[in-house]
Amino acid sequence: MHVELPEKRYYSIGEVAEAFDVNTSLIRYWEKEFDVLQPKKNAKGNRKFTPEDIKNLELIYHLVKERGFTLEGAKIHLKENKKKTFSNFEIIRKLESVKAELLKIKDQL
């Protein structure tokens, strides 16, 4: 899954949920469950997600939704292998974007 968000400093929970095609309640639930998610809150209490939070959400989404990890399994995996998992995840995402570009070029030919 590739998340399409404009370049911004902060994203609202609605924007994030729409980008991931999930409910806002799932984002709030993951925030409680995973320590790596720490969105800032404004005076009203609205969550503001940074690009770093979005990367962490992408990783959690990948582990839970795409690879089928349980929440406990994803937590353990993140704690034990955070750097290795994140670097592998980044490589996979880059390869997927290259593949998408190549397919687009192929269709244009």
C-alpha atoms as a PDB file:
ATOM      1  CA  MET A   1       0.000   0.000   0.000  1.00  0.00           C
ATOM      2  CA  HIS A   2       1.332   3.393  -0.967  1.00  0.00           C
ATOM      3  CA  VAL A   3       0.026   6.336   1.032  1.00  0.00           C
ATOM      4  CA  GLU A   4      -0.617   9.527  -0.918  1.00  0.00           C
ATOM      5  CA  LEU A   5      -0.382  12.571   1.354  1.00  0.00           C
ATOM      6  CA  PRO A   6       0.703  16.100   0.444  1.00  0.00           C
ATOM      7  CA  GLU A   7       3.926  17.464   1.927  1.00  0.00           C
ATOM      8  CA  LYS A   8       2.887  19.015   5.233  1.00  0.00           C
ATOM      9  CA  ARG A   9       4.250  19.389   8.717  1.00  0.00           C
ATOM     10  CA  TYR A  10       1.133  17.975  10.396  1.00  0.00           C
ATOM     11  CA  TYR A  11      -1.794  15.845   9.252  1.00  0.00           C
ATOM     12  CA  SER A  12      -5.209  15.528  10.886  1.00  0.00           C
ATOM     13  CA  ILE A  13      -6.512  12.126  11.916  1.00  0.00           C
ATOM     14  CA  GLY A  14      -9.135  12.366   9.171  1.00  0.00           C
ATOM     15  CA  GLU A  15      -6.496  12.870   6.476  1.00  0.00           C
ATOM     16  CA  VAL A  16      -4.464   9.965   7.842  1.00  0.00           C
ATOM     17  CA  ALA A  17      -7.452   7.626   8.068  1.00  0.00           C
ATOM     18  CA  GLU A  18      -8.508   8.497   4.517  1.00  0.00           C
ATOM     19  CA  ALA A  19      -4.977   7.923   3.183  1.00  0.00           C
ATOM     20  CA  PHE A  20      -4.847   4.472   4.810  1.00  0.00           C
ATOM     21  CA  ASP A  21      -8.494   3.738   3.944  1.00  0.00           C
ATOM     22  CA  VAL A  22      -9.356   2.871   7.567  1.00  0.00           C
ATOM     23  CA  ASN A  23     -11.614   4.340  10.236  1.00  0.00           C
ATOM     24  CA  THR A  24     -10.302   7.036  12.553  1.00  0.00           C
ATOM     25  CA  SER A  25     -11.141   4.745  15.468  1.00  0.00           C
ATOM     26  CA  LEU A  26      -8.551   2.233  14.213  1.00  0.00           C
ATOM     27  CA  ILE A  27      -5.900   4.956  14.143  1.00  0.00           C
ATOM     28  CA  ARG A  28      -6.804   5.965  17.718  1.00  0.00           C
ATOM     29  CA  TYR A  29      -6.716   2.305  18.796  1.00  0.00           C
ATOM     30  CA  TRP A  30      -3.285   1.767  17.252  1.00  0.00           C
ATOM     31  CA  GLU A  31      -2.103   4.931  19.001  1.00  0.00           C
ATOM     32  CA  LYS A  32      -3.020   3.352  22.349  1.00  0.00           C
ATOM     33  CA  GLU A  33      -1.504  -0.005  21.460  1.00  0.00           C
ATOM     34  CA  PHE A  34       1.809   1.033  19.888  1.00  0.00           C
ATOM     35  CA  ASP A  35       4.320   3.171  21.781  1.00  0.00           C
ATOM     36  CA  VAL A  36       5.954   4.385  18.566  1.00  0.00           C
ATOM     37  CA  LEU A  37       2.823   6.404  17.712  1.00  0.00           C
ATOM     38  CA  GLN A  38       2.875   9.663  19.624  1.00  0.00           C
ATOM     39  CA  PRO A  39       0.932  12.285  17.664  1.00  0.00           C
ATOM     40  CA  LYS A  40       0.925  15.782  19.050  1.00  0.00           C
ATOM     41  CA  LYS A  41      -2.340  17.198  20.305  1.00  0.00           C
ATOM     42  CA  ASN A  42      -3.392  20.819  19.970  1.00  0.00           C
ATOM     43  CA  ALA A  43      -5.264  22.839  22.612  1.00  0.00           C
ATOM     44  CA  LYS A  44      -8.571  21.298  21.550  1.00  0.00           C
ATOM     45  CA  GLY A  45      -7.135  17.784  21.845  1.00  0.00           C
ATOM     46  CA  ASN A  46      -7.093  17.119  18.097  1.00  0.00           C
ATOM     47  CA  ARG A  47      -4.332  14.767  17.007  1.00  0.00           C
ATOM     48  CA  LYS A  48      -1.713  16.117  14.635  1.00  0.00           C
ATOM     49  CA  PHE A  49       0.427  13.470  12.965  1.00  0.00           C
ATOM     50  CA  THR A  50       3.956  14.254  11.793  1.00  0.00           C
ATOM     51  CA  PRO A  51       5.587  12.638   8.745  1.00  0.00           C
ATOM     52  CA  GLU A  52       7.493  10.404  11.215  1.00  0.00           C
ATOM     53  CA  ASP A  53       4.171   9.245  12.679  1.00  0.00           C
ATOM     54  CA  ILE A  54       2.968   8.485   9.149  1.00  0.00           C
ATOM     55  CA  LYS A  55       6.039   6.303   8.520  1.00  0.00           C
ATOM     56  CA  ASN A  56       5.379   4.421  11.754  1.00  0.00           C
ATOM     57  CA  LEU A  57       1.725   3.994  10.793  1.00  0.00           C
ATOM     58  CA  GLU A  58       2.761   2.652   7.388  1.00  0.00           C
ATOM     59  CA  LEU A  59       4.980   0.108   9.105  1.00  0.00           C
ATOM     60  CA  ILE A  60       2.227  -0.924  11.535  1.00  0.00           C
ATOM     61  CA  TYR A  61      -0.279  -1.153   8.672  1.00  0.00           C
ATOM     62  CA  HIS A  62       2.161  -3.287   6.691  1.00  0.00           C
ATOM     63  CA  LEU A  63       2.748  -5.682   9.582  1.00  0.00           C
ATOM     64  CA  VAL A  64      -0.878  -5.990  10.690  1.00  0.00           C
ATOM     65  CA  LYS A  65      -2.909  -5.675   7.506  1.00  0.00           C
ATOM     66  CA  GLU A  66      -0.550  -6.885   4.783  1.00  0.00           C
ATOM     67  CA  ARG A  67       1.605  -9.473   6.531  1.00  0.00           C
ATOM     68  CA  GLY A  68      -1.111 -10.677   8.929  1.00  0.00           C
ATOM     69  CA  PHE A  69       0.638 -10.104  12.243  1.00  0.00           C
ATOM     70  CA  THR A  70      -1.461  -9.992  15.392  1.00  0.00           C
ATOM     71  CA  LEU A  71      -1.188  -6.766  17.379  1.00  0.00           C
ATOM     72  CA  GLU A  72       0.945  -8.508  19.999  1.00  0.00           C
ATOM     73  CA  GLY A  73       3.126 -10.034  17.301  1.00  0.00           C
ATOM     74  CA  ALA A  74       3.560  -6.650  15.620  1.00  0.00           C
ATOM     75  CA  LYS A  75       4.500  -5.018  18.943  1.00  0.00           C
ATOM     76  CA  ILE A  76       7.112  -7.682  19.656  1.00  0.00           C
ATOM     77  CA  HIS A  77       8.449  -7.510  16.108  1.00  0.00           C
ATOM     78  CA  LEU A  78       8.783  -3.717  16.312  1.00  0.00           C
ATOM     79  CA  LYS A  79      10.533  -3.806  19.690  1.00  0.00           C
ATOM     80  CA  GLU A  80      13.001  -6.514  18.737  1.00  0.00           C
ATOM     81  CA  ASN A  81      13.760  -5.581  15.140  1.00  0.00           C
ATOM     82  CA  LYS A  82      12.756  -1.914  14.735  1.00  0.00           C
ATOM     83  CA  LYS A  83      15.764  -0.789  12.665  1.00  0.00           C
ATOM     84  CA  LYS A  84      15.985  -3.926  10.539  1.00  0.00           C
ATOM     85  CA  THR A  85      12.222  -4.023   9.941  1.00  0.00           C
ATOM     86  CA  PHE A  86      12.067  -0.348   9.063  1.00  0.00           C
ATOM     87  CA  SER A  87      15.000  -0.552   6.659  1.00  0.00           C
ATOM     88  CA  ASN A  88      13.497  -3.623   4.937  1.00  0.00           C
ATOM     89  CA  PHE A  89      10.133  -1.867   4.791  1.00  0.00           C
ATOM     90  CA  GLU A  90      11.718   1.198   3.161  1.00  0.00           C
ATOM     91  CA  ILE A  91      13.440  -0.975   0.555  1.00  0.00           C
ATOM     92  CA  ILE A  92      10.164  -2.763  -0.235  1.00  0.00           C
ATOM     93  CA  ARG A  93       8.333   0.562  -0.640  1.00  0.00           C
ATOM     94  CA  LYS A  94      11.003   1.937  -2.982  1.00  0.00           C
ATOM     95  CA  LEU A  95      10.931  -1.204  -5.093  1.00  0.00           C
ATOM     96  CA  GLU A  96       7.132  -1.033  -5.285  1.00  0.00           C
ATOM     97  CA  SER A  97       7.295   2.575  -6.481  1.00  0.00           C
ATOM     98  CA  VAL A  98       9.912   1.653  -9.117  1.00  0.00           C
ATOM     99  CA  LYS A  99       7.686  -1.217 -10.264  1.00  0.00           C
ATOM    100  CA  ALA A 100       4.694   1.113 -10.513  1.00  0.00           C
ATOM    101  CA  GLU A 101       6.721   3.581 -12.612  1.00  0.00           C
ATOM    102  CA  LEU A 102       7.944   0.824 -14.919  1.00  0.00           C
ATOM    103  CA  LEU A 103       4.406  -0.486 -15.383  1.00  0.00           C
ATOM    104  CA  LYS A 104       3.236   3.029 -16.185  1.00  0.00           C
ATOM    105  CA  ILE A 105       5.988   3.391 -18.805  1.00  0.00           C
ATOM    106  CA  LYS A 106       5.123  -0.027 -20.242  1.00  0.00           C
ATOM    107  CA  ASP A 107       1.465   0.979 -20.623  1.00  0.00           C
ATOM    108  CA  GLN A 108       2.490   4.157 -22.449  1.00  0.00           C
ATOM    109  CA  LEU A 109       4.514   2.238 -25.026  1.00  0.00           C
END
